C-alpha atoms as a PDB file:
ATOM      1  CA  MET A   1      76.911  88.721  93.271  1.00  0.00           C
ATOM      2  CA  LEU A   2      79.301  88.794  96.169  1.00  0.00           C
ATOM      3  CA  GLY A   3      82.081  91.336  96.299  1.00  0.00           C
ATOM      4  CA  LEU A   4      84.344  89.303  98.522  1.00  0.00           C
ATOM      5  CA  ARG A   5      88.074  89.278  97.801  1.00  0.00           C
ATOM      6  CA  LEU A   6      90.044  86.621  99.624  1.00  0.00           C
ATOM      7  CA  ARG A   7      93.806  87.060  99.477  1.00  0.00           C
ATOM      8  CA  GLY A   8      96.237  84.483  98.174  1.00  0.00           C
ATOM      9  CA  ASN A   9      97.615  83.572 101.572  1.00  0.00           C
ATOM     10  CA  GLY A  10      94.135  82.984 102.877  1.00  0.00           C
ATOM     11  CA  ALA A  11      91.589  81.599 100.513  1.00  0.00           C
ATOM     12  CA  GLY A  12      93.663  81.822  97.382  1.00  0.00           C
ATOM     13  CA  VAL A  13      91.673  84.546  95.628  1.00  0.00           C
ATOM     14  CA  ALA A  14      93.593  87.699  94.988  1.00  0.00           C
ATOM     15  CA  GLY A  15      93.698  91.043  93.294  1.00  0.00           C
ATOM     16  CA  GLY A  16      94.899  90.312  89.766  1.00  0.00           C
ATOM     17  CA  LEU A  17      91.778  88.564  88.545  1.00  0.00           C
ATOM     18  CA  ALA A  18      88.680  90.721  88.314  1.00  0.00           C
ATOM     19  CA  PRO A  19      86.654  91.079  91.542  1.00  0.00           C
ATOM     20  CA  LEU A  20      83.283  89.408  91.593  1.00  0.00           C
ATOM     21  CA  ASP A  21      81.498  92.757  91.516  1.00  0.00           C
ATOM     22  CA  ALA A  22      83.332  95.901  90.527  1.00  0.00           C
ATOM     23  CA  HIS A  23      80.608  98.191  91.955  1.00  0.00           C
ATOM     24  CA  ALA A  24      80.857  96.529  95.356  1.00  0.00           C
ATOM     25  CA  GLN A  25      84.396  97.874  95.776  1.00  0.00           C
ATOM     26  CA  HIS A  26      83.190 101.474  95.538  1.00  0.00           C
ATOM     27  CA  GLU A  27      79.552 101.356  96.589  1.00  0.00           C
ATOM     28  CA  PRO A  28      79.174  99.368  99.814  1.00  0.00           C
ATOM     29  CA  PHE A  29      75.731 100.887 100.410  1.00  0.00           C
ATOM     30  CA  MET A  30      74.332  99.695  97.088  1.00  0.00           C
ATOM     31  CA  GLU A  31      75.932  96.291  97.563  1.00  0.00           C
ATOM     32  CA  ALA A  32      74.505  95.935 101.069  1.00  0.00           C
ATOM     33  CA  VAL A  33      70.870  96.848 100.456  1.00  0.00           C
ATOM     34  CA  ASP A  34      68.411  94.574  98.699  1.00  0.00           C
ATOM     35  CA  PRO A  35      66.768  95.543  95.368  1.00  0.00           C
ATOM     36  CA  GLY A  36      63.534  96.541  97.088  1.00  0.00           C
ATOM     37  CA  TYR A  37      65.196  99.148  99.329  1.00  0.00           C
ATOM     38  CA  TRP A  38      64.606 102.229  97.205  1.00  0.00           C
ATOM     39  CA  PRO A  39      60.937 101.588  96.332  1.00  0.00           C
ATOM     40  CA  ARG A  40      60.195 101.147 100.036  1.00  0.00           C
ATOM     41  CA  ALA A  41      62.248 104.185 101.062  1.00  0.00           C
ATOM     42  CA  ILE A  42      60.656 106.418  98.421  1.00  0.00           C
ATOM     43  CA  SER A  43      57.147 105.192  99.225  1.00  0.00           C
ATOM     44  CA  LEU A  44      57.718 105.924 102.931  1.00  0.00           C
ATOM     45  CA  ARG A  45      58.835 109.501 102.186  1.00  0.00           C
ATOM     46  CA  ILE A  46      55.862 110.138  99.895  1.00  0.00           C
ATOM     47  CA  VAL A  47      53.437 108.795 102.534  1.00  0.00           C
ATOM     48  CA  ILE A  48      55.028 111.028 105.202  1.00  0.00           C
ATOM     49  CA  ALA A  49      54.802 114.030 102.852  1.00  0.00           C
ATOM     50  CA  LEU A  50      51.127 113.379 102.113  1.00  0.00           C
ATOM     51  CA  CYS A  51      50.330 112.936 105.812  1.00  0.00           C
ATOM     52  CA  TYR A  52      52.137 116.207 106.517  1.00  0.00           C
ATOM     53  CA  VAL A  53      50.105 117.989 103.847  1.00  0.00           C
ATOM     54  CA  ILE A  54      46.833 116.551 105.162  1.00  0.00           C
ATOM     55  CA  LEU A  55      47.387 116.853 108.938  1.00  0.00           C
ATOM     56  CA  VAL A  56      48.101 120.578 108.931  1.00  0.00           C
ATOM     57  CA  PRO A  57      44.856 121.677 107.205  1.00  0.00           C
ATOM     58  CA  ALA A  58      43.017 119.274 109.501  1.00  0.00           C
ATOM     59  CA  GLY A  59      44.344 121.257 112.454  1.00  0.00           C
ATOM     60  CA  LEU A  60      46.247 118.325 113.935  1.00  0.00           C
ATOM     61  CA  LEU A  61      49.606 120.038 113.331  1.00  0.00           C
ATOM     62  CA  PRO A  62      49.116 123.753 114.004  1.00  0.00           C
ATOM     63  CA  MET A  63      51.637 125.981 112.225  1.00  0.00           C
ATOM     64  CA  SER A  64      51.784 129.255 110.349  1.00  0.00           C
ATOM     65  CA  PRO A  65      50.789 129.140 106.660  1.00  0.00           C
ATOM     66  CA  ALA A  66      54.164 130.471 105.502  1.00  0.00           C
ATOM     67  CA  TRP A  67      56.214 127.852 107.316  1.00  0.00           C
ATOM     68  CA  TYR A  68      53.705 125.184 106.345  1.00  0.00           C
ATOM     69  CA  ALA A  69      54.117 126.090 102.667  1.00  0.00           C
ATOM     70  CA  VAL A  70      57.932 126.066 102.875  1.00  0.00           C
ATOM     71  CA  SER A  71      58.394 122.889 104.906  1.00  0.00           C
ATOM     72  CA  GLY A  72      55.569 120.929 103.257  1.00  0.00           C
ATOM     73  CA  GLY A  73      56.679 122.040  99.802  1.00  0.00           C
ATOM     74  CA  VAL A  74      60.279 120.969 100.396  1.00  0.00           C
ATOM     75  CA  LEU A  75      59.186 117.583 101.758  1.00  0.00           C
ATOM     76  CA  LEU A  76      56.757 116.901  98.916  1.00  0.00           C
ATOM     77  CA  VAL A  77      59.072 118.074  96.110  1.00  0.00           C
ATOM     78  CA  TYR A  78      61.982 116.129  97.606  1.00  0.00           C
ATOM     79  CA  SER A  79      59.931 112.932  97.888  1.00  0.00           C
ATOM     80  CA  LEU A  80      58.513 113.210  94.374  1.00  0.00           C
ATOM     81  CA  ALA A  81      61.975 114.028  92.971  1.00  0.00           C
ATOM     82  CA  MET A  82      63.347 110.840  94.539  1.00  0.00           C
ATOM     83  CA  GLY A  83      60.536 108.860  92.920  1.00  0.00           C
ATOM     84  CA  ALA A  84      61.115 110.472  89.513  1.00  0.00           C
ATOM     85  CA  LEU A  85      64.858 109.825  89.673  1.00  0.00           C
ATOM     86  CA  TYR A  86      64.283 106.212  90.613  1.00  0.00           C
ATOM     87  CA  LEU A  87      61.798 105.671  87.776  1.00  0.00           C
ATOM     88  CA  ARG A  88      64.235 107.252  85.320  1.00  0.00           C
ATOM     89  CA  CYS A  89      67.511 105.732  86.533  1.00  0.00           C
ATOM     90  CA  GLY A  90      66.396 102.519  88.233  1.00  0.00           C
ATOM     91  CA  VAL A  91      68.950 102.997  91.017  1.00  0.00           C
ATOM     92  CA  LEU A  92      70.143 106.069  92.904  1.00  0.00           C
ATOM     93  CA  ARG A  93      73.885 105.506  93.159  1.00  0.00           C
ATOM     94  CA  THR A  94      74.715 109.195  93.613  1.00  0.00           C
ATOM     95  CA  TYR A  95      71.506 110.393  95.208  1.00  0.00           C
ATOM     96  CA  GLU A  96      71.828 107.956  98.099  1.00  0.00           C
ATOM     97  CA  LEU A  97      74.735 110.063  99.386  1.00  0.00           C
ATOM     98  CA  VAL A  98      72.490 113.135  99.582  1.00  0.00           C
ATOM     99  CA  SER A  99      69.235 111.648 100.859  1.00  0.00           C
ATOM    100  CA  PRO A 100      70.243 111.260 104.561  1.00  0.00           C
ATOM    101  CA  TYR A 101      71.190 114.943 104.715  1.00  0.00           C
ATOM    102  CA  MET A 102      67.961 115.936 102.994  1.00  0.00           C
ATOM    103  CA  ASP A 103      65.993 113.785 105.439  1.00  0.00           C
ATOM    104  CA  THR A 104      67.672 115.570 108.343  1.00  0.00           C
ATOM    105  CA  LEU A 105      66.966 118.974 106.798  1.00  0.00           C
ATOM    106  CA  VAL A 106      63.287 118.047 106.423  1.00  0.00           C
ATOM    107  CA  VAL A 107      63.135 117.104 110.127  1.00  0.00           C
ATOM    108  CA  THR A 108      64.729 120.457 110.999  1.00  0.00           C
ATOM    109  CA  LEU A 109      62.221 122.356 108.868  1.00  0.00           C
ATOM    110  CA  GLY A 110      59.417 120.449 110.607  1.00  0.00           C
ATOM    111  CA  ILE A 111      60.667 121.539 114.035  1.00  0.00           C
ATOM    112  CA  VAL A 112      60.860 125.179 112.955  1.00  0.00           C
ATOM    113  CA  ALA A 113      57.523 125.088 111.137  1.00  0.00           C
ATOM    114  CA  LEU A 114      55.652 123.567 114.076  1.00  0.00           C
ATOM    115  CA  ALA A 115      57.334 125.945 116.568  1.00  0.00           C
ATOM    116  CA  LYS A 116      56.724 123.494 119.402  1.00  0.00           C
ATOM    117  CA  PRO A 117      60.104 122.079 120.549  1.00  0.00           C
ATOM    118  CA  GLU A 118      58.383 119.741 122.978  1.00  0.00           C
ATOM    119  CA  TYR A 119      56.791 117.870 120.056  1.00  0.00           C
ATOM    120  CA  PRO A 120      59.156 114.959 119.380  1.00  0.00           C
ATOM    121  CA  ILE A 121      59.660 115.600 115.665  1.00  0.00           C
ATOM    122  CA  TRP A 122      63.387 115.568 116.454  1.00  0.00           C
ATOM    123  CA  MET A 123      63.062 111.798 116.986  1.00  0.00           C
ATOM    124  CA  GLY A 124      63.522 111.639 113.219  1.00  0.00           C
ATOM    125  CA  TYR A 125      67.245 112.266 113.771  1.00  0.00           C
ATOM    126  CA  PHE A 126      67.490 109.098 115.859  1.00  0.00           C
ATOM    127  CA  LEU A 127      65.704 107.042 113.219  1.00  0.00           C
ATOM    128  CA  ILE A 128      68.087 108.103 110.452  1.00  0.00           C
ATOM    129  CA  ILE A 129      71.370 107.580 112.327  1.00  0.00           C
ATOM    130  CA  PRO A 130      71.001 103.822 113.118  1.00  0.00           C
ATOM    131  CA  SER A 131      69.903 103.030 109.559  1.00  0.00           C
ATOM    132  CA  LEU A 132      73.068 104.659 108.202  1.00  0.00           C
ATOM    133  CA  ALA A 133      75.284 102.775 110.638  1.00  0.00           C
ATOM    134  CA  ASN A 134      74.407  99.506 108.888  1.00  0.00           C
ATOM    135  CA  PHE A 135      75.962 100.655 105.620  1.00  0.00           C
ATOM    136  CA  ARG A 136      78.473 103.372 106.462  1.00  0.00           C
ATOM    137  CA  SER A 137      81.840 103.675 108.192  1.00  0.00           C
ATOM    138  CA  SER A 138      82.277 104.868 111.767  1.00  0.00           C
ATOM    139  CA  ALA A 139      83.703 108.171 110.503  1.00  0.00           C
ATOM    140  CA  TYR A 140      80.643 108.728 108.300  1.00  0.00           C
ATOM    141  CA  VAL A 141      78.262 108.008 111.177  1.00  0.00           C
ATOM    142  CA  ALA A 142      80.206 110.355 113.481  1.00  0.00           C
ATOM    143  CA  GLY A 143      80.105 113.121 110.874  1.00  0.00           C
ATOM    144  CA  PHE A 144      76.420 112.613 110.227  1.00  0.00           C
ATOM    145  CA  SER A 145      75.567 112.644 113.940  1.00  0.00           C
ATOM    146  CA  ALA A 146      77.424 115.977 114.201  1.00  0.00           C
ATOM    147  CA  TRP A 147      75.349 117.231 111.262  1.00  0.00           C
ATOM    148  CA  SER A 148      72.139 116.127 113.025  1.00  0.00           C
ATOM    149  CA  ILE A 149      73.156 117.847 116.270  1.00  0.00           C
ATOM    150  CA  ALA A 150      73.976 121.030 114.327  1.00  0.00           C
ATOM    151  CA  ASN A 151      70.542 120.894 112.681  1.00  0.00           C
ATOM    152  CA  CYS A 152      68.830 120.522 116.034  1.00  0.00           C
ATOM    153  CA  VAL A 153      70.747 123.437 117.535  1.00  0.00           C
ATOM    154  CA  ALA A 154      69.984 125.542 114.439  1.00  0.00           C
ATOM    155  CA  ALA A 155      66.260 124.737 114.649  1.00  0.00           C
ATOM    156  CA  PHE A 156      66.098 125.673 118.339  1.00  0.00           C
ATOM    157  CA  GLY A 157      68.190 128.784 117.613  1.00  0.00           C
ATOM    158  CA  ILE A 158      65.818 129.968 114.877  1.00  0.00           C
ATOM    159  CA  LEU A 159      62.828 129.501 117.171  1.00  0.00           C
ATOM    160  CA  ASP A 160      64.617 131.328 119.987  1.00  0.00           C
ATOM    161  CA  VAL A 161      65.785 134.290 117.887  1.00  0.00           C
ATOM    162  CA  SER A 162      62.470 134.689 116.065  1.00  0.00           C
ATOM    163  CA  GLY A 163      60.540 134.439 119.327  1.00  0.00           C
ATOM    164  CA  ARG A 164      58.108 131.978 117.801  1.00  0.00           C
ATOM    165  CA  ALA A 165      58.377 129.557 120.734  1.00  0.00           C
ATOM    166  CA  ASP A 166      59.684 129.239 124.261  1.00  0.00           C
ATOM    167  CA  VAL A 167      62.870 127.251 123.816  1.00  0.00           C
ATOM    168  CA  SER A 168      64.374 125.002 126.450  1.00  0.00           C
ATOM    169  CA  TRP A 169      68.073 124.737 125.720  1.00  0.00           C
ATOM    170  CA  ALA A 170      68.242 121.958 128.260  1.00  0.00           C
ATOM    171  CA  LEU A 171      66.070 119.919 125.862  1.00  0.00           C
ATOM    172  CA  ALA A 172      68.415 120.738 122.985  1.00  0.00           C
ATOM    173  CA  THR A 173      71.369 119.551 125.089  1.00  0.00           C
ATOM    174  CA  ILE A 174      69.565 116.309 125.917  1.00  0.00           C
ATOM    175  CA  ILE A 175      68.777 115.743 122.224  1.00  0.00           C
ATOM    176  CA  ALA A 176      72.441 116.335 121.344  1.00  0.00           C
ATOM    177  CA  PHE A 177      73.587 113.767 123.915  1.00  0.00           C
ATOM    178  CA  MET A 178      70.953 111.309 122.699  1.00  0.00           C
ATOM    179  CA  ALA A 179      72.108 111.741 119.085  1.00  0.00           C
ATOM    180  CA  ALA A 180      75.738 111.122 120.043  1.00  0.00           C
ATOM    181  CA  PHE A 181      74.811 108.097 122.166  1.00  0.00           C
ATOM    182  CA  THR A 182      72.611 106.718 119.362  1.00  0.00           C
ATOM    183  CA  ALA A 183      75.457 107.094 116.867  1.00  0.00           C
ATOM    184  CA  ILE A 184      77.980 105.331 119.112  1.00  0.00           C
ATOM    185  CA  ASN A 185      75.615 102.519 120.038  1.00  0.00           C
ATOM    186  CA  ALA A 186      74.409 102.016 116.451  1.00  0.00           C
ATOM    187  CA  ASP A 187      77.981 101.968 115.152  1.00  0.00           C
ATOM    188  CA  ILE A 188      79.062  99.342 117.720  1.00  0.00           C
ATOM    189  CA  ILE A 189      76.130  97.086 116.841  1.00  0.00           C
ATOM    190  CA  ALA A 190      76.497  97.604 113.077  1.00  0.00           C
ATOM    191  CA  THR A 191      80.263  96.984 113.158  1.00  0.00           C
ATOM    192  CA  SER A 192      79.732  93.748 115.058  1.00  0.00           C
ATOM    193  CA  ASN A 193      77.033  92.668 112.617  1.00  0.00           C
ATOM    194  CA  ARG A 194      79.244  93.451 109.611  1.00  0.00           C
ATOM    195  CA  LYS A 195      82.087  91.461 111.111  1.00  0.00           C
ATOM    196  CA  LEU A 196      79.765  88.544 111.784  1.00  0.00           C
ATOM    197  CA  ARG A 197      78.376  88.672 108.227  1.00  0.00           C
ATOM    198  CA  ARG A 198      81.913  88.780 106.837  1.00  0.00           C
ATOM    199  CA  LEU A 199      82.962  85.758 108.909  1.00  0.00           C
ATOM    200  CA  VAL A 200      79.877  83.825 107.799  1.00  0.00           C
ATOM    201  CA  GLN A 201      80.503  84.818 104.190  1.00  0.00           C
ATOM    202  CA  GLU A 202      84.153  83.785 104.318  1.00  0.00           C
ATOM    203  CA  ALA A 203      83.218  80.504 105.995  1.00  0.00           C
ATOM    204  CA  SER A 204      80.731  79.767 103.224  1.00  0.00           C
ATOM    205  CA  LEU A 205      83.352  80.426 100.536  1.00  0.00           C
ATOM    206  CA  THR A 206      86.458  78.918 102.119  1.00  0.00           C
ATOM    207  CA  ASP A 207      87.534  75.312 102.527  1.00  0.00           C
ATOM    208  CA  PRO A 208      87.900  74.842 106.307  1.00  0.00           C
ATOM    209  CA  LEU A 209      90.767  72.343 106.029  1.00  0.00           C
ATOM    210  CA  THR A 210      93.167  73.990 103.585  1.00  0.00           C
ATOM    211  CA  GLY A 211      92.056  77.608 103.789  1.00  0.00           C
ATOM    212  CA  LEU A 212      91.748  77.695 100.006  1.00  0.00           C
ATOM    213  CA  ALA A 213      88.701  78.934  98.167  1.00  0.00           C
ATOM    214  CA  ASN A 214      86.048  76.258  97.987  1.00  0.00           C
ATOM    215  CA  ARG A 215      84.274  75.046  94.866  1.00  0.00           C
ATOM    216  CA  ARG A 216      81.416  77.474  95.315  1.00  0.00           C
ATOM    217  CA  LEU A 217      83.718  80.503  95.303  1.00  0.00           C
ATOM    218  CA  PHE A 218      85.710  79.124  92.394  1.00  0.00           C
ATOM    219  CA  ARG A 219      82.523  78.795  90.356  1.00  0.00           C
ATOM    220  CA  GLN A 220      81.593  82.383  91.191  1.00  0.00           C
ATOM    221  CA  VAL A 221      85.008  83.626  90.086  1.00  0.00           C
ATOM    222  CA  LEU A 222      84.665  81.536  86.929  1.00  0.00           C
ATOM    223  CA  ASP A 223      81.291  83.131  86.206  1.00  0.00           C
ATOM    224  CA  SER A 224      82.765  86.602  86.725  1.00  0.00           C
ATOM    225  CA  HIS A 225      85.133  85.893  83.805  1.00  0.00           C
ATOM    226  CA  ALA A 226      82.380  84.847  81.425  1.00  0.00           C
ATOM    227  CA  VAL A 227      83.043  87.935  79.276  1.00  0.00           C
ATOM    228  CA  PRO A 228      85.889  87.675  76.711  1.00  0.00           C
ATOM    229  CA  GLU A 229      89.329  88.029  78.295  1.00  0.00           C
ATOM    230  CA  THR A 230      92.154  90.130  76.863  1.00  0.00           C
ATOM    231  CA  ARG A 231      94.685  87.504  77.992  1.00  0.00           C
ATOM    232  CA  PRO A 232      94.388  83.709  77.946  1.00  0.00           C
ATOM    233  CA  LEU A 233      93.257  82.034  81.170  1.00  0.00           C
ATOM    234  CA  ALA A 234      94.826  78.768  82.234  1.00  0.00           C
ATOM    235  CA  VAL A 235      92.948  76.134  84.220  1.00  0.00           C
ATOM    236  CA  LEU A 236      95.241  73.715  86.072  1.00  0.00           C
ATOM    237  CA  MET A 237      93.556  70.787  87.804  1.00  0.00           C
ATOM    238  CA  TYR A 238      95.511  68.623  90.268  1.00  0.00           C
ATOM    239  CA  ASP A 239      94.873  65.292  91.962  1.00  0.00           C
ATOM    240  CA  VAL A 240      97.005  63.775  94.735  1.00  0.00           C
ATOM    241  CA  ASP A 241      98.319  60.408  93.571  1.00  0.00           C
ATOM    242  CA  ASN A 242      97.343  57.357  95.651  1.00  0.00           C
ATOM    243  CA  PHE A 243      95.401  59.524  98.097  1.00  0.00           C
ATOM    244  CA  LYS A 244      93.016  56.694  98.951  1.00  0.00           C
ATOM    245  CA  GLN A 245      95.981  54.519  99.843  1.00  0.00           C
ATOM    246  CA  ILE A 246      97.410  57.275 102.037  1.00  0.00           C
ATOM    247  CA  ASN A 247      94.068  57.483 103.824  1.00  0.00           C
ATOM    248  CA  GLU A 248      93.898  53.736 104.408  1.00  0.00           C
ATOM    249  CA  GLU A 249      97.535  53.194 105.417  1.00  0.00           C
ATOM    250  CA  ARG A 250      98.328  56.365 107.359  1.00  0.00           C
ATOM    251  CA  GLY A 251      94.885  57.503 108.527  1.00  0.00           C
ATOM    252  CA  HIS A 252      92.660  60.479 107.839  1.00  0.00           C
ATOM    253  CA  MET A 253      94.619  62.918 109.992  1.00  0.00           C
ATOM    254  CA  HIS A 254      97.801  62.255 108.047  1.00  0.00           C
ATOM    255  CA  ALA A 255      95.872  62.543 104.775  1.00  0.00           C
ATOM    256  CA  ASP A 256      94.530  65.927 105.925  1.00  0.00           C
ATOM    257  CA  GLN A 257      98.079  67.044 106.699  1.00  0.00           C
ATOM    258  CA  VAL A 258      99.117  66.027 103.200  1.00  0.00           C
ATOM    259  CA  LEU A 259      96.349  68.115 101.679  1.00  0.00           C
ATOM    260  CA  CYS A 260      97.306  71.122 103.817  1.00  0.00           C
ATOM    261  CA  ALA A 261     100.962  70.758 102.800  1.00  0.00           C
ATOM    262  CA  VAL A 262     100.012  70.543  99.116  1.00  0.00           C
ATOM    263  CA  ALA A 263      97.794  73.627  99.468  1.00  0.00           C
ATOM    264  CA  ALA A 264     100.628  75.566 101.104  1.00  0.00           C
ATOM    265  CA  GLU A 265     103.026  74.636  98.312  1.00  0.00           C
ATOM    266  CA  LEU A 266     100.509  75.685  95.662  1.00  0.00           C
ATOM    267  CA  ARG A 267     100.190  79.081  97.325  1.00  0.00           C
ATOM    268  CA  SER A 268     103.935  79.565  97.118  1.00  0.00           C
ATOM    269  CA  CYS A 269     104.075  78.338  93.513  1.00  0.00           C
ATOM    270  CA  PHE A 270     101.493  80.696  92.094  1.00  0.00           C
ATOM    271  CA  ARG A 271     101.067  84.441  92.083  1.00  0.00           C
ATOM    272  CA  GLU A 272      98.872  86.323  94.494  1.00  0.00           C
ATOM    273  CA  ALA A 273      96.598  87.166  91.560  1.00  0.00           C
ATOM    274  CA  ASP A 274      95.895  83.484  90.784  1.00  0.00           C
ATOM    275  CA  VAL A 275      92.792  81.723  92.090  1.00  0.00           C
ATOM    276  CA  ILE A 276      93.546  78.515  94.001  1.00  0.00           C
ATOM    277  CA  ALA A 277      90.683  76.338  95.203  1.00  0.00           C
ATOM    278  CA  ARG A 278      89.941  72.919  96.617  1.00  0.00           C
ATOM    279  CA  TYR A 279      87.622  71.559  93.970  1.00  0.00           C
ATOM    280  CA  GLY A 280      86.603  68.425  95.841  1.00  0.00           C
ATOM    281  CA  GLY A 281      88.209  65.608  97.845  1.00  0.00           C
ATOM    282  CA  ASP A 282      91.893  65.597  96.878  1.00  0.00           C
ATOM    283  CA  GLU A 283      91.316  67.646  93.709  1.00  0.00           C
ATOM    284  CA  LEU A 284      92.726  71.157  93.576  1.00  0.00           C
ATOM    285  CA  ILE A 285      92.264  73.701  90.810  1.00  0.00           C
ATOM    286  CA  VAL A 286      93.998  76.918  89.770  1.00  0.00           C
ATOM    287  CA  LEU A 287      92.837  79.738  87.503  1.00  0.00           C
ATOM    288  CA  ALA A 288      95.637  81.992  86.242  1.00  0.00           C
ATOM    289  CA  HIS A 289      96.314  84.530  83.528  1.00  0.00           C
ATOM    290  CA  VAL A 290      99.025  83.380  81.112  1.00  0.00           C
ATOM    291  CA  ASN A 291     100.403  84.481  77.765  1.00  0.00           C
ATOM    292  CA  THR A 292     100.869  81.077  76.140  1.00  0.00           C
ATOM    293  CA  VAL A 293     100.057  77.417  76.591  1.00  0.00           C
ATOM    294  CA  ASP A 294     103.754  76.739  77.155  1.00  0.00           C
ATOM    295  CA  GLU A 295     103.778  79.206  80.054  1.00  0.00           C
ATOM    296  CA  ALA A 296     100.810  77.421  81.647  1.00  0.00           C
ATOM    297  CA  ALA A 297     102.522  74.032  81.228  1.00  0.00           C
ATOM    298  CA  ALA A 298     105.750  75.396  82.750  1.00  0.00           C
ATOM    299  CA  MET A 299     103.813  76.735  85.756  1.00  0.00           C
ATOM    300  CA  GLY A 300     102.229  73.327  86.227  1.00  0.00           C
ATOM    301  CA  GLU A 301     105.501  71.393  85.928  1.00  0.00           C
ATOM    302  CA  ARG A 302     107.206  73.723  88.387  1.00  0.00           C
ATOM    303  CA  SER A 303     104.429  73.254  90.928  1.00  0.00           C
ATOM    304  CA  LEU A 304     104.525  69.440  90.597  1.00  0.00           C
ATOM    305  CA  ARG A 305     108.271  69.438  91.148  1.00  0.00           C
ATOM    306  CA  GLN A 306     108.082  71.726  94.198  1.00  0.00           C
ATOM    307  CA  ILE A 307     105.281  69.707  95.803  1.00  0.00           C
ATOM    308  CA  ARG A 308     107.158  66.442  95.235  1.00  0.00           C
ATOM    309  CA  GLU A 309     110.334  67.868  96.836  1.00  0.00           C
ATOM    310  CA  ASN A 310     108.737  69.727  99.755  1.00  0.00           C
ATOM    311  CA  ALA A 311     105.509  67.847 100.530  1.00  0.00           C
ATOM    312  CA  GLY A 312     106.799  64.349  99.760  1.00  0.00           C
ATOM    313  CA  VAL A 313     103.874  63.345  97.520  1.00  0.00           C
ATOM    314  CA  THR A 314     103.307  63.295  93.797  1.00  0.00           C
ATOM    315  CA  LEU A 315     100.418  64.852  91.929  1.00  0.00           C
ATOM    316  CA  SER A 316      98.922  64.389  88.505  1.00  0.00           C
ATOM    317  CA  ALA A 317      97.777  67.485  86.642  1.00  0.00           C
ATOM    318  CA  GLY A 318      95.755  68.492  83.631  1.00  0.00           C
ATOM    319  CA  VAL A 319      96.145  71.890  81.967  1.00  0.00           C
ATOM    320  CA  SER A 320      93.759  73.696  79.660  1.00  0.00           C
ATOM    321  CA  VAL A 321      94.013  77.242  78.317  1.00  0.00           C
ATOM    322  CA  TYR A 322      91.017  79.340  77.332  1.00  0.00           C
ATOM    323  CA  PRO A 323      90.433  80.101  74.470  1.00  0.00           C
ATOM    324  CA  VAL A 324      93.116  77.806  72.985  1.00  0.00           C
ATOM    325  CA  SER A 325      91.956  74.472  74.416  1.00  0.00           C
ATOM    326  CA  ALA A 326      88.266  75.390  74.703  1.00  0.00           C
ATOM    327  CA  GLN A 327      85.884  78.091  73.508  1.00  0.00           C
ATOM    328  CA  THR A 328      84.506  78.750  77.000  1.00  0.00           C
ATOM    329  CA  LEU A 329      85.911  78.762  80.504  1.00  0.00           C
ATOM    330  CA  GLU A 330      83.506  75.994  81.455  1.00  0.00           C
ATOM    331  CA  GLY A 331      84.885  74.012  78.535  1.00  0.00           C
ATOM    332  CA  ALA A 332      88.419  74.746  79.730  1.00  0.00           C
ATOM    333  CA  VAL A 333      87.589  73.251  83.138  1.00  0.00           C
ATOM    334  CA  GLN A 334      86.220  70.135  81.460  1.00  0.00           C
ATOM    335  CA  SER A 335      89.282  69.902  79.199  1.00  0.00           C
ATOM    336  CA  ALA A 336      91.636  70.201  82.189  1.00  0.00           C
ATOM    337  CA  ASP A 337      89.638  67.489  83.964  1.00  0.00           C
ATOM    338  CA  GLY A 338      89.945  65.240  80.920  1.00  0.00           C
ATOM    339  CA  ALA A 339      93.698  65.871  80.695  1.00  0.00           C
ATOM    340  CA  LEU A 340      94.019  65.065  84.404  1.00  0.00           C
ATOM    341  CA  ARG A 341      92.212  61.741  84.002  1.00  0.00           C
ATOM    342  CA  GLU A 342      94.467  60.877  81.082  1.00  0.00           C
ATOM    343  CA  ALA A 343      97.567  61.778  83.102  1.00  0.00           C
ATOM    344  CA  LYS A 344      96.502  59.428  85.913  1.00  0.00           C
ATOM    345  CA  HIS A 345      95.654  56.691  83.431  1.00  0.00           C
ATOM    346  CA  ASN A 346      99.119  57.007  81.846  1.00  0.00           C
ATOM    347  CA  GLY A 347     101.058  56.419  85.053  1.00  0.00           C
ATOM    348  CA  LYS A 348     100.396  59.377  87.368  1.00  0.00           C
ATOM    349  CA  ALA A 349     102.974  61.897  88.633  1.00  0.00           C
ATOM    350  CA  ARG A 350     102.823  63.812  85.386  1.00  0.00           C
ATOM    351  CA  LEU A 351     101.181  66.743  83.659  1.00  0.00           C
ATOM    352  CA  LEU A 352      99.246  66.672  80.411  1.00  0.00           C
ATOM    353  CA  VAL A 353      98.051  69.642  78.368  1.00  0.00           C
ATOM    354  CA  ALA A 354      94.611  69.449  76.786  1.00  0.00           C
ATOM    355  CA  ARG A 355      94.627  69.414  73.010  1.00  0.00           C
ATOM    356  CA  ALA A 356      93.679  72.563  71.122  1.00  0.00           C
ATOM    357  CA  ALA A 357      89.966  72.877  70.360  1.00  0.00           C
END
């Protein structure tokens, strides 16, 4: 489910009603990746660990037995531990914060164990950094790139001090510059992609004419409140009176201006925490927390009066309160729709409250 929160002065969805996904507020990584991410990531690490264990005895990766045991053991235990945690927990909400640093440490151990700085094992740093940029902030990526550079310098330093290999510090400097460049470039691309995804997401959930939430977003918010509420929820459904006549006599552009004016007045009538959406055509709908049915009716009457005075048009409205008027929120929407139809049938420019269930 989407974690998008559109403010009241934009798409009419605001902070008082529950967000569509509470975890998405705090765990952007878990919200961004698909459900198959961890099985693939764990499988890749286990395959790399097994290849590491096999290639060394085969003589394809020459290294001392002691360093082979340490580095191979860490890689294998780490990979199997990830798999065990996933099988036990299903998701790795905490462990995903640690895994990039463990991956980097494994690359560092590989460099030291092989004792051949010219072997491009350090390319692993550059594979990890761009993948993180897709899910993490610029500050996180900058910090992680510094961690990767420190690991590289430490690996070359250990090889130099121990005398296990001829170390070219020029190569270490080049790797450091490459890591920094990779981090900057990956962050620029990822930030642009996130912005583009956000714009596409907002466009898919926002009515382009009025700037209100569209019906799709309203239904998602409605679904997010399927659990029992501690306070009643009012559904107010509006319809512009004689809108077809306005269209025919004044033209579509004027009719669009009327809808925009009505939407603006509704924003000013309701709280930032209330959900305001264009439900279809000239129908608008509001979802708001209230204490009583009378409070919901008063909110509706006040909005009709303000729209009549400031926008120069009249609206009919139907009000339903969950769980007073209906046993479900879906039922409350239907009850408000029925009350709206009755209000229009009885002369328009009025508000009717749905009868108690």
